[in-house]
C-alpha atoms as a PDB file:
ATOM      1  CA  MET A   1     -10.997  -5.804 -40.025  1.00  0.00           C
ATOM      2  CA  ASN A   2     -11.188  -9.034 -38.043  1.00  0.00           C
ATOM      3  CA  PRO A   3      -7.686  -9.659 -36.644  1.00  0.00           C
ATOM      4  CA  TYR A   4      -8.522 -13.342 -36.179  1.00  0.00           C
ATOM      5  CA  PRO A   5      -9.602 -14.809 -39.512  1.00  0.00           C
ATOM      6  CA  ARG A   6      -9.633 -18.581 -39.842  1.00  0.00           C
ATOM      7  CA  ARG A   7      -6.088 -19.912 -40.069  1.00  0.00           C
ATOM      8  CA  PRO A   8      -5.079 -21.678 -43.277  1.00  0.00           C
ATOM      9  CA  THR A   9      -4.603 -25.418 -42.926  1.00  0.00           C
ATOM     10  CA  ASP A  10      -0.949 -25.135 -44.024  1.00  0.00           C
ATOM     11  CA  ALA A  11      -0.001 -22.529 -41.382  1.00  0.00           C
ATOM     12  CA  ARG A  12       3.534 -22.836 -40.043  1.00  0.00           C
ATOM     13  CA  LYS A  13       5.336 -21.775 -36.869  1.00  0.00           C
ATOM     14  CA  GLY A  14       6.102 -18.094 -37.057  1.00  0.00           C
ATOM     15  CA  ASP A  15       3.339 -17.165 -39.480  1.00  0.00           C
ATOM     16  CA  PHE A  16       1.462 -15.433 -36.660  1.00  0.00           C
ATOM     17  CA  GLY A  17       4.318 -13.529 -35.149  1.00  0.00           C
ATOM     18  CA  HIS A  18       7.353 -13.634 -32.886  1.00  0.00           C
ATOM     19  CA  VAL A  19       7.185 -11.065 -30.084  1.00  0.00           C
ATOM     20  CA  LEU A  20      10.186  -9.747 -28.185  1.00  0.00           C
ATOM     21  CA  VAL A  21       9.595  -8.685 -24.562  1.00  0.00           C
ATOM     22  CA  VAL A  22      12.300  -6.549 -22.940  1.00  0.00           C
ATOM     23  CA  GLY A  23      12.107  -5.365 -19.355  1.00  0.00           C
ATOM     24  CA  GLY A  24      12.311  -6.559 -15.791  1.00  0.00           C
ATOM     25  CA  SER A  25      14.828  -5.941 -13.051  1.00  0.00           C
ATOM     26  CA  PRO A  26      16.315  -7.885 -10.142  1.00  0.00           C
ATOM     27  CA  VAL A  27      13.055  -7.084  -8.294  1.00  0.00           C
ATOM     28  CA  PHE A  28      10.328  -7.363 -10.952  1.00  0.00           C
ATOM     29  CA  HIS A  29       9.702 -10.359 -13.190  1.00  0.00           C
ATOM     30  CA  GLY A  30       5.951 -11.075 -13.089  1.00  0.00           C
ATOM     31  CA  CYS A  31       5.218  -8.214 -15.483  1.00  0.00           C
ATOM     32  CA  LEU A  32       7.331  -9.959 -18.121  1.00  0.00           C
ATOM     33  CA  VAL A  33       5.388 -13.185 -17.660  1.00  0.00           C
ATOM     34  CA  PHE A  34       2.118 -11.313 -18.183  1.00  0.00           C
ATOM     35  CA  ASN A  35       3.544  -9.541 -21.265  1.00  0.00           C
ATOM     36  CA  ALA A  36       4.756 -12.821 -22.705  1.00  0.00           C
ATOM     37  CA  LYS A  37       1.857 -15.102 -21.808  1.00  0.00           C
ATOM     38  CA  GLY A  38      -0.575 -12.415 -22.895  1.00  0.00           C
ATOM     39  CA  ALA A  39       1.068 -12.377 -26.327  1.00  0.00           C
ATOM     40  CA  LEU A  40       0.876 -16.170 -26.558  1.00  0.00           C
ATOM     41  CA  ALA A  41      -2.753 -16.208 -25.403  1.00  0.00           C
ATOM     42  CA  ALA A  42      -3.538 -13.641 -28.111  1.00  0.00           C
ATOM     43  CA  GLY A  43      -2.142 -15.891 -30.810  1.00  0.00           C
ATOM     44  CA  ALA A  44       1.561 -15.087 -31.191  1.00  0.00           C
ATOM     45  CA  ASP A  45       3.492 -18.181 -32.208  1.00  0.00           C
ATOM     46  CA  LEU A  46       6.690 -17.356 -30.309  1.00  0.00           C
ATOM     47  CA  VAL A  47       7.751 -15.019 -27.501  1.00  0.00           C
ATOM     48  CA  THR A  48      11.316 -14.218 -26.430  1.00  0.00           C
ATOM     49  CA  VAL A  49      11.900 -12.515 -23.074  1.00  0.00           C
ATOM     50  CA  ALA A  50      15.128 -10.537 -22.650  1.00  0.00           C
ATOM     51  CA  ALA A  51      15.723  -9.455 -19.066  1.00  0.00           C
ATOM     52  CA  PRO A  52      18.226  -9.306 -16.184  1.00  0.00           C
ATOM     53  CA  ARG A  53      19.258 -12.833 -15.320  1.00  0.00           C
ATOM     54  CA  ARG A  54      17.153 -13.254 -12.173  1.00  0.00           C
ATOM     55  CA  ALA A  55      14.034 -11.940 -13.905  1.00  0.00           C
ATOM     56  CA  ALA A  56      14.650 -14.033 -17.021  1.00  0.00           C
ATOM     57  CA  ASP A  57      15.246 -17.182 -14.989  1.00  0.00           C
ATOM     58  CA  LEU A  58      12.115 -16.656 -12.915  1.00  0.00           C
ATOM     59  CA  ALA A  59      10.101 -15.988 -16.077  1.00  0.00           C
ATOM     60  CA  ALA A  60      11.391 -19.234 -17.581  1.00  0.00           C
ATOM     61  CA  CYS A  61      10.620 -21.242 -14.435  1.00  0.00           C
ATOM     62  CA  GLY A  62       7.344 -23.045 -14.991  1.00  0.00           C
ATOM     63  CA  ASN A  63       6.806 -21.365 -18.366  1.00  0.00           C
ATOM     64  CA  PRO A  64       8.374 -23.695 -20.955  1.00  0.00           C
ATOM     65  CA  ASP A  65       6.534 -21.877 -23.760  1.00  0.00           C
ATOM     66  CA  LEU A  66       8.863 -18.887 -23.348  1.00  0.00           C
ATOM     67  CA  ILE A  67      12.297 -18.345 -24.864  1.00  0.00           C
ATOM     68  CA  THR A  68      14.568 -16.318 -22.582  1.00  0.00           C
ATOM     69  CA  VAL A  69      17.703 -14.236 -23.152  1.00  0.00           C
ATOM     70  CA  PRO A  70      19.196 -13.393 -19.742  1.00  0.00           C
ATOM     71  CA  PHE A  71      21.706 -10.575 -19.375  1.00  0.00           C
ATOM     72  CA  GLU A  72      23.970  -9.677 -16.485  1.00  0.00           C
ATOM     73  CA  ALA A  73      23.171  -5.980 -16.001  1.00  0.00           C
ATOM     74  CA  SER A  74      20.145  -4.717 -14.102  1.00  0.00           C
ATOM     75  CA  HIS A  75      18.893  -2.868 -17.209  1.00  0.00           C
ATOM     76  CA  PRO A  76      19.441  -3.009 -21.004  1.00  0.00           C
ATOM     77  CA  ASP A  77      23.092  -1.878 -21.047  1.00  0.00           C
ATOM     78  CA  ALA A  78      25.329  -2.069 -24.126  1.00  0.00           C
ATOM     79  CA  ALA A  79      26.088  -5.773 -23.698  1.00  0.00           C
ATOM     80  CA  ALA A  80      22.413  -6.594 -23.219  1.00  0.00           C
ATOM     81  CA  ARG A  81      21.487  -4.595 -26.295  1.00  0.00           C
ATOM     82  CA  ARG A  82      24.056  -6.474 -28.364  1.00  0.00           C
ATOM     83  CA  ALA A  83      22.577  -9.799 -27.197  1.00  0.00           C
ATOM     84  CA  VAL A  84      19.066  -8.692 -28.152  1.00  0.00           C
ATOM     85  CA  LEU A  85      20.011  -7.126 -31.468  1.00  0.00           C
ATOM     86  CA  ALA A  86      21.922 -10.240 -32.508  1.00  0.00           C
ATOM     87  CA  LEU A  87      18.502 -11.914 -32.669  1.00  0.00           C
ATOM     88  CA  ALA A  88      16.570  -8.919 -34.001  1.00  0.00           C
ATOM     89  CA  ASP A  89      15.790 -10.379 -37.421  1.00  0.00           C
ATOM     90  CA  ARG A  90      13.619 -13.014 -35.713  1.00  0.00           C
ATOM     91  CA  PHE A  91      11.117 -10.579 -34.229  1.00  0.00           C
ATOM     92  CA  ASP A  92       7.929  -9.085 -35.661  1.00  0.00           C
ATOM     93  CA  ALA A  93       7.110  -6.732 -32.760  1.00  0.00           C
ATOM     94  CA  ALA A  94       8.563  -5.721 -29.405  1.00  0.00           C
ATOM     95  CA  VAL A  95       7.066  -4.893 -25.993  1.00  0.00           C
ATOM     96  CA  VAL A  96       9.477  -2.758 -23.971  1.00  0.00           C
ATOM     97  CA  GLY A  97       9.589  -1.225 -20.529  1.00  0.00           C
ATOM     98  CA  ALA A  98       7.708  -3.232 -17.897  1.00  0.00           C
ATOM     99  CA  GLY A  99       9.542  -3.699 -14.618  1.00  0.00           C
ATOM    100  CA  VAL A 100      12.682  -1.772 -15.602  1.00  0.00           C
ATOM    101  CA  GLU A 101      14.343   0.107 -12.761  1.00  0.00           C
ATOM    102  CA  ARG A 102      13.800   3.869 -12.669  1.00  0.00           C
ATOM    103  CA  THR A 103      17.313   5.217 -13.118  1.00  0.00           C
ATOM    104  CA  PRO A 104      18.916   7.527 -15.701  1.00  0.00           C
ATOM    105  CA  ALA A 105      21.147   4.681 -16.921  1.00  0.00           C
ATOM    106  CA  ALA A 106      18.164   2.372 -17.404  1.00  0.00           C
ATOM    107  CA  HIS A 107      16.288   5.072 -19.313  1.00  0.00           C
ATOM    108  CA  ARG A 108      19.268   5.681 -21.588  1.00  0.00           C
ATOM    109  CA  GLY A 109      19.510   1.944 -22.213  1.00  0.00           C
ATOM    110  CA  ILE A 110      15.832   1.686 -23.114  1.00  0.00           C
ATOM    111  CA  LEU A 111      16.028   4.585 -25.557  1.00  0.00           C
ATOM    112  CA  ALA A 112      19.140   3.159 -27.209  1.00  0.00           C
ATOM    113  CA  LEU A 113      17.431  -0.203 -27.659  1.00  0.00           C
ATOM    114  CA  VAL A 114      14.242   1.374 -29.002  1.00  0.00           C
ATOM    115  CA  ALA A 115      16.294   3.358 -31.522  1.00  0.00           C
ATOM    116  CA  ALA A 116      18.038   0.193 -32.717  1.00  0.00           C
ATOM    117  CA  LEU A 117      14.990  -2.066 -33.032  1.00  0.00           C
ATOM    118  CA  GLU A 118      13.258  -1.828 -36.410  1.00  0.00           C
ATOM    119  CA  VAL A 119      10.000  -3.622 -35.558  1.00  0.00           C
ATOM    120  CA  PRO A 120       6.679  -2.113 -34.397  1.00  0.00           C
ATOM    121  CA  LEU A 121       6.793  -1.241 -30.710  1.00  0.00           C
ATOM    122  CA  VAL A 122       4.595  -1.330 -27.631  1.00  0.00           C
ATOM    123  CA  LEU A 123       6.139   1.001 -25.056  1.00  0.00           C
ATOM    124  CA  ASP A 124       4.937   0.763 -21.459  1.00  0.00           C
ATOM    125  CA  ALA A 125       5.955   1.693 -17.922  1.00  0.00           C
ATOM    126  CA  GLU A 126       9.574   2.931 -17.686  1.00  0.00           C
ATOM    127  CA  ALA A 127       9.894   3.081 -21.473  1.00  0.00           C
ATOM    128  CA  LEU A 128       7.283   5.859 -21.336  1.00  0.00           C
ATOM    129  CA  ARG A 129       9.160   7.778 -18.644  1.00  0.00           C
ATOM    130  CA  ALA A 130      12.339   7.403 -20.690  1.00  0.00           C
ATOM    131  CA  LEU A 131      10.508   8.605 -23.803  1.00  0.00           C
ATOM    132  CA  ALA A 132       9.277  11.678 -21.922  1.00  0.00           C
ATOM    133  CA  LYS A 133      12.914  12.847 -21.859  1.00  0.00           C
ATOM    134  CA  ASP A 134      13.411  12.298 -25.601  1.00  0.00           C
ATOM    135  CA  PRO A 135      10.119  12.121 -27.534  1.00  0.00           C
ATOM    136  CA  GLY A 136      12.003  12.163 -30.816  1.00  0.00           C
ATOM    137  CA  ALA A 137      13.306   8.652 -30.113  1.00  0.00           C
ATOM    138  CA  ILE A 138      10.252   7.147 -31.832  1.00  0.00           C
ATOM    139  CA  ALA A 139      10.138   9.514 -34.792  1.00  0.00           C
ATOM    140  CA  GLY A 140       8.976   7.651 -37.877  1.00  0.00           C
ATOM    141  CA  ARG A 141       8.228   4.481 -35.930  1.00  0.00           C
ATOM    142  CA  ARG A 142       5.088   2.355 -35.705  1.00  0.00           C
ATOM    143  CA  ALA A 143       4.607   2.743 -31.960  1.00  0.00           C
ATOM    144  CA  LEU A 144       1.809   2.144 -29.479  1.00  0.00           C
ATOM    145  CA  LEU A 145       2.232   3.839 -26.093  1.00  0.00           C
ATOM    146  CA  THR A 146       0.201   2.391 -23.204  1.00  0.00           C
ATOM    147  CA  PRO A 147       0.334   4.771 -20.216  1.00  0.00           C
ATOM    148  CA  HIS A 148      -1.782   4.835 -17.098  1.00  0.00           C
ATOM    149  CA  GLY A 149      -2.711   8.249 -15.737  1.00  0.00           C
ATOM    150  CA  GLY A 150       0.585   8.949 -13.968  1.00  0.00           C
ATOM    151  CA  GLU A 151       2.685   7.861 -16.938  1.00  0.00           C
ATOM    152  CA  PHE A 152       0.502   9.929 -19.242  1.00  0.00           C
ATOM    153  CA  GLU A 153       1.133  13.010 -17.120  1.00  0.00           C
ATOM    154  CA  ALA A 154       4.892  12.378 -17.220  1.00  0.00           C
ATOM    155  CA  LEU A 155       4.789  11.776 -20.974  1.00  0.00           C
ATOM    156  CA  ALA A 156       2.345  14.455 -22.100  1.00  0.00           C
ATOM    157  CA  GLY A 157       2.471  16.980 -19.255  1.00  0.00           C
ATOM    158  CA  ASP A 158      -1.297  16.741 -18.955  1.00  0.00           C
ATOM    159  CA  ARG A 159      -3.106  15.555 -15.826  1.00  0.00           C
ATOM    160  CA  VAL A 160      -6.162  13.476 -16.760  1.00  0.00           C
ATOM    161  CA  ALA A 161      -7.137  11.910 -13.430  1.00  0.00           C
ATOM    162  CA  ASP A 162     -10.794  12.509 -12.574  1.00  0.00           C
ATOM    163  CA  ARG A 163     -11.421  14.459 -15.778  1.00  0.00           C
ATOM    164  CA  PRO A 164     -14.571  13.706 -17.779  1.00  0.00           C
ATOM    165  CA  LEU A 165     -14.351  11.321 -20.702  1.00  0.00           C
ATOM    166  CA  ALA A 166     -14.598  14.049 -23.333  1.00  0.00           C
ATOM    167  CA  ALA A 167     -11.577  15.826 -21.829  1.00  0.00           C
ATOM    168  CA  ARG A 168      -9.613  12.580 -21.634  1.00  0.00           C
ATOM    169  CA  LYS A 169     -10.356  11.870 -25.292  1.00  0.00           C
ATOM    170  CA  GLU A 170      -9.103  15.268 -26.353  1.00  0.00           C
ATOM    171  CA  ALA A 171      -5.987  14.969 -24.161  1.00  0.00           C
ATOM    172  CA  VAL A 172      -5.119  11.607 -25.696  1.00  0.00           C
ATOM    173  CA  ARG A 173      -5.686  12.934 -29.213  1.00  0.00           C
ATOM    174  CA  ARG A 174      -3.375  15.892 -28.548  1.00  0.00           C
ATOM    175  CA  ALA A 175      -0.672  13.667 -27.073  1.00  0.00           C
ATOM    176  CA  ALA A 176      -0.819  11.227 -29.971  1.00  0.00           C
ATOM    177  CA  ARG A 177      -0.583  14.067 -32.481  1.00  0.00           C
ATOM    178  CA  ARG A 178       2.384  15.633 -30.687  1.00  0.00           C
ATOM    179  CA  LEU A 179       4.235  12.332 -30.248  1.00  0.00           C
ATOM    180  CA  HIS A 180       3.437  11.037 -33.754  1.00  0.00           C
ATOM    181  CA  ALA A 181       2.351   7.733 -32.200  1.00  0.00           C
ATOM    182  CA  THR A 182      -0.766   5.919 -31.068  1.00  0.00           C
ATOM    183  CA  VAL A 183      -1.581   6.443 -27.387  1.00  0.00           C
ATOM    184  CA  LEU A 184      -3.719   4.073 -25.319  1.00  0.00           C
ATOM    185  CA  LEU A 185      -4.591   5.728 -22.023  1.00  0.00           C
ATOM    186  CA  LYS A 186      -5.564   3.016 -19.548  1.00  0.00           C
ATOM    187  CA  GLY A 187      -8.356   3.547 -17.087  1.00  0.00           C
ATOM    188  CA  ALA A 188     -11.889   2.527 -16.235  1.00  0.00           C
ATOM    189  CA  ARG A 189     -12.579   3.374 -19.883  1.00  0.00           C
ATOM    190  CA  ASP A 190      -9.491   2.941 -22.050  1.00  0.00           C
ATOM    191  CA  VAL A 191      -9.059   5.698 -24.655  1.00  0.00           C
ATOM    192  CA  VAL A 192      -7.049   5.127 -27.843  1.00  0.00           C
ATOM    193  CA  SER A 193      -6.018   7.710 -30.444  1.00  0.00           C
ATOM    194  CA  ASP A 194      -3.582   8.023 -33.315  1.00  0.00           C
ATOM    195  CA  GLY A 195      -3.968  11.800 -33.313  1.00  0.00           C
ATOM    196  CA  ARG A 196      -6.882  11.691 -35.734  1.00  0.00           C
ATOM    197  CA  ARG A 197      -9.202   8.860 -34.737  1.00  0.00           C
ATOM    198  CA  VAL A 198     -10.325   8.211 -31.161  1.00  0.00           C
ATOM    199  CA  ALA A 199     -11.782   4.977 -29.783  1.00  0.00           C
ATOM    200  CA  VAL A 200     -13.209   4.373 -26.318  1.00  0.00           C
ATOM    201  CA  ASP A 201     -13.252   0.780 -25.092  1.00  0.00           C
ATOM    202  CA  PRO A 202     -16.641  -0.272 -23.666  1.00  0.00           C
ATOM    203  CA  TYR A 203     -15.419  -3.444 -21.944  1.00  0.00           C
ATOM    204  CA  GLY A 204     -13.947  -3.936 -18.487  1.00  0.00           C
ATOM    205  CA  SER A 205     -14.664  -4.605 -14.844  1.00  0.00           C
ATOM    206  CA  PRO A 206     -14.076  -2.727 -11.569  1.00  0.00           C
ATOM    207  CA  LEU A 207     -12.396  -5.932 -10.410  1.00  0.00           C
ATOM    208  CA  MET A 208      -9.462  -5.213 -12.775  1.00  0.00           C
ATOM    209  CA  THR A 209      -7.569  -3.172 -10.175  1.00  0.00           C
ATOM    210  CA  LYS A 210      -4.903  -5.704  -9.253  1.00  0.00           C
ATOM    211  CA  GLY A 211      -1.401  -5.456 -10.651  1.00  0.00           C
ATOM    212  CA  GLY A 212      -0.689  -7.012 -14.020  1.00  0.00           C
ATOM    213  CA  TRP A 213      -3.671  -6.100 -16.189  1.00  0.00           C
ATOM    214  CA  GLY A 214      -1.692  -3.381 -17.951  1.00  0.00           C
ATOM    215  CA  ASP A 215       1.145  -5.835 -18.577  1.00  0.00           C
ATOM    216  CA  LEU A 216      -1.342  -8.276 -20.056  1.00  0.00           C
ATOM    217  CA  LEU A 217      -2.699  -5.510 -22.296  1.00  0.00           C
ATOM    218  CA  ALA A 218       0.784  -4.669 -23.582  1.00  0.00           C
ATOM    219  CA  GLY A 219       1.437  -8.319 -24.425  1.00  0.00           C
ATOM    220  CA  VAL A 220      -1.852  -8.725 -26.278  1.00  0.00           C
ATOM    221  CA  ALA A 221      -1.133  -5.537 -28.215  1.00  0.00           C
ATOM    222  CA  GLY A 222       2.323  -6.860 -29.087  1.00  0.00           C
ATOM    223  CA  ALA A 223       0.770 -10.013 -30.534  1.00  0.00           C
ATOM    224  CA  LEU A 224      -1.582  -7.932 -32.675  1.00  0.00           C
ATOM    225  CA  LEU A 225       1.266  -5.751 -33.957  1.00  0.00           C
ATOM    226  CA  ALA A 226       3.190  -8.920 -34.794  1.00  0.00           C
ATOM    227  CA  ARG A 227       0.210 -10.020 -36.929  1.00  0.00           C
ATOM    228  CA  GLY A 228       0.611  -6.863 -38.980  1.00  0.00           C
ATOM    229  CA  LEU A 229      -2.075  -4.628 -37.476  1.00  0.00           C
ATOM    230  CA  ALA A 230      -1.526  -0.890 -37.393  1.00  0.00           C
ATOM    231  CA  PRO A 231      -0.881   0.514 -33.887  1.00  0.00           C
ATOM    232  CA  PHE A 232      -4.337   2.126 -33.643  1.00  0.00           C
ATOM    233  CA  ASP A 233      -6.099  -1.132 -34.493  1.00  0.00           C
ATOM    234  CA  ALA A 234      -3.770  -3.143 -32.264  1.00  0.00           C
ATOM    235  CA  GLY A 235      -4.516  -0.781 -29.384  1.00  0.00           C
ATOM    236  CA  ARG A 236      -8.291  -0.729 -29.694  1.00  0.00           C
ATOM    237  CA  HIS A 237      -8.561  -4.493 -30.218  1.00  0.00           C
ATOM    238  CA  ALA A 238      -6.156  -5.228 -27.337  1.00  0.00           C
ATOM    239  CA  ALA A 239      -8.203  -3.014 -25.025  1.00  0.00           C
ATOM    240  CA  ALA A 240     -11.393  -4.838 -26.028  1.00  0.00           C
ATOM    241  CA  ILE A 241      -9.852  -8.295 -25.611  1.00  0.00           C
ATOM    242  CA  VAL A 242      -8.400  -7.570 -22.178  1.00  0.00           C
ATOM    243  CA  GLY A 243     -11.516  -5.723 -21.028  1.00  0.00           C
ATOM    244  CA  ARG A 244     -13.705  -8.630 -22.106  1.00  0.00           C
ATOM    245  CA  ALA A 245     -11.313 -11.092 -20.417  1.00  0.00           C
ATOM    246  CA  GLY A 246     -11.581  -8.981 -17.265  1.00  0.00           C
ATOM    247  CA  GLU A 247     -15.362  -9.156 -17.364  1.00  0.00           C
ATOM    248  CA  ARG A 248     -15.194 -12.936 -17.681  1.00  0.00           C
ATOM    249  CA  ALA A 249     -12.607 -13.236 -14.896  1.00  0.00           C
ATOM    250  CA  GLY A 250     -14.639 -10.969 -12.646  1.00  0.00           C
ATOM    251  CA  ARG A 251     -17.726 -13.118 -13.026  1.00  0.00           C
ATOM    252  CA  ALA A 252     -15.775 -16.329 -12.418  1.00  0.00           C
ATOM    253  CA  LEU A 253     -13.385 -15.212  -9.672  1.00  0.00           C
ATOM    254  CA  GLY A 254     -14.867 -12.127  -8.021  1.00  0.00           C
ATOM    255  CA  GLU A 255     -12.341 -10.463  -5.731  1.00  0.00           C
ATOM    256  CA  GLY A 256      -9.815 -13.132  -6.700  1.00  0.00           C
ATOM    257  CA  ALA A 257      -9.603 -11.918 -10.309  1.00  0.00           C
ATOM    258  CA  VAL A 258      -5.806 -11.831 -10.475  1.00  0.00           C
ATOM    259  CA  VAL A 259      -4.158 -11.839 -13.893  1.00  0.00           C
ATOM    260  CA  SER A 260      -2.378 -15.159 -13.404  1.00  0.00           C
ATOM    261  CA  ARG A 261      -5.784 -16.812 -13.078  1.00  0.00           C
ATOM    262  CA  ALA A 262      -7.363 -14.787 -15.868  1.00  0.00           C
ATOM    263  CA  LEU A 263      -4.983 -15.616 -18.720  1.00  0.00           C
ATOM    264  CA  ASP A 264      -7.237 -18.416 -19.934  1.00  0.00           C
ATOM    265  CA  GLU A 265      -9.983 -15.857 -20.465  1.00  0.00           C
ATOM    266  CA  VAL A 266      -8.011 -14.092 -23.222  1.00  0.00           C
ATOM    267  CA  PRO A 267      -8.684 -16.677 -25.966  1.00  0.00           C
ATOM    268  CA  ARG A 268     -12.279 -16.940 -24.769  1.00  0.00           C
ATOM    269  CA  ALA A 269     -12.616 -13.175 -25.074  1.00  0.00           C
ATOM    270  CA  ILE A 270     -11.209 -13.371 -28.600  1.00  0.00           C
ATOM    271  CA  GLY A 271     -13.849 -15.962 -29.348  1.00  0.00           C
ATOM    272  CA  ASP A 272     -16.577 -13.712 -27.968  1.00  0.00           C
ATOM    273  CA  LEU A 273     -15.457 -10.675 -29.929  1.00  0.00           C
ATOM    274  CA  PHE A 274     -14.261 -12.042 -33.231  1.00  0.00           C
ATOM    275  CA  GLN A 275     -15.067 -15.702 -33.724  1.00  0.00           C
ATOM    276  CA  ARG A 276     -18.581 -16.360 -32.428  1.00  0.00           C
ATOM    277  CA  LYS A 277     -21.409 -14.769 -34.315  1.00  0.00           C
ATOM    278  CA  GLY A 278     -23.886 -12.986 -32.104  1.00  0.00           C
ATOM    279  CA  THR A 279     -21.714 -12.701 -28.970  1.00  0.00           C
ATOM    280  CA  GLY A 280     -19.669  -9.932 -27.430  1.00  0.00           C
ATOM    281  CA  ARG A 281     -22.246  -7.173 -27.929  1.00  0.00           C
ATOM    282  CA  LYS A 282     -20.855  -3.835 -26.748  1.00  0.00           C
ATOM    283  CA  ARG A 283     -22.351  -1.649 -24.091  1.00  0.00           C
ATOM    284  CA  LYS A 284     -23.485   1.805 -25.150  1.00  0.00           C
ATOM    285  CA  THR A 285     -20.803   4.489 -25.039  1.00  0.00           C
END
């Protein structure tokens, strides 16, 4: 299914999704910007960022497209969760975990928020390490988990670094089946599985090693979930979009292919893959 059909002429604000982004800390805020601007670049109509006050304020600075909900704690404590949940009926999907501090209190706060949110979820970064302590927290949920190799090992207890692609595919399938979720293992070749199907993304560039590409991926996936896609389809399409954007950015910027300069390539990648007949041909897998 093409996730980007032609929009009807009477489309209204909100028809294409409102994404909630929760994360950040007094140290990290850029990840939230990449989550949020990635979701907007992938077609979400609205994005709300809920984060510790410094991170929320820095995310808002120079980004007037974003709505922000600052909270006073350094992680999603009870007061922060109340502030987010008071707005919960506005959201169509949530991206949770980027930039959160690695403490037991922060992990408990993330899990409590995840349990209370009723929308489809993208869980990344510290949300994955929190989930490793309580995998049942996403039981019955529409969830997409987006670990890199280290997070995958913490979450699934399975080391995949330097393993051949066939072994990575089977490891991701096992993890998805055990967690009852879709898992997108990031790497030179992203692997996505819902426990039954497995997809390997053919797009990408060796220049995508700078920080932020995973945050961009989570935001794009959040936008696709907010459009109503199932987690497996959101994951495989998000991987393709970001991989294709990385290829474009690599050609244009070379070693300077940082995410902040590559955001404009996301809608162009969508055009290549879904909106321009005869472009975006995949490499052989």
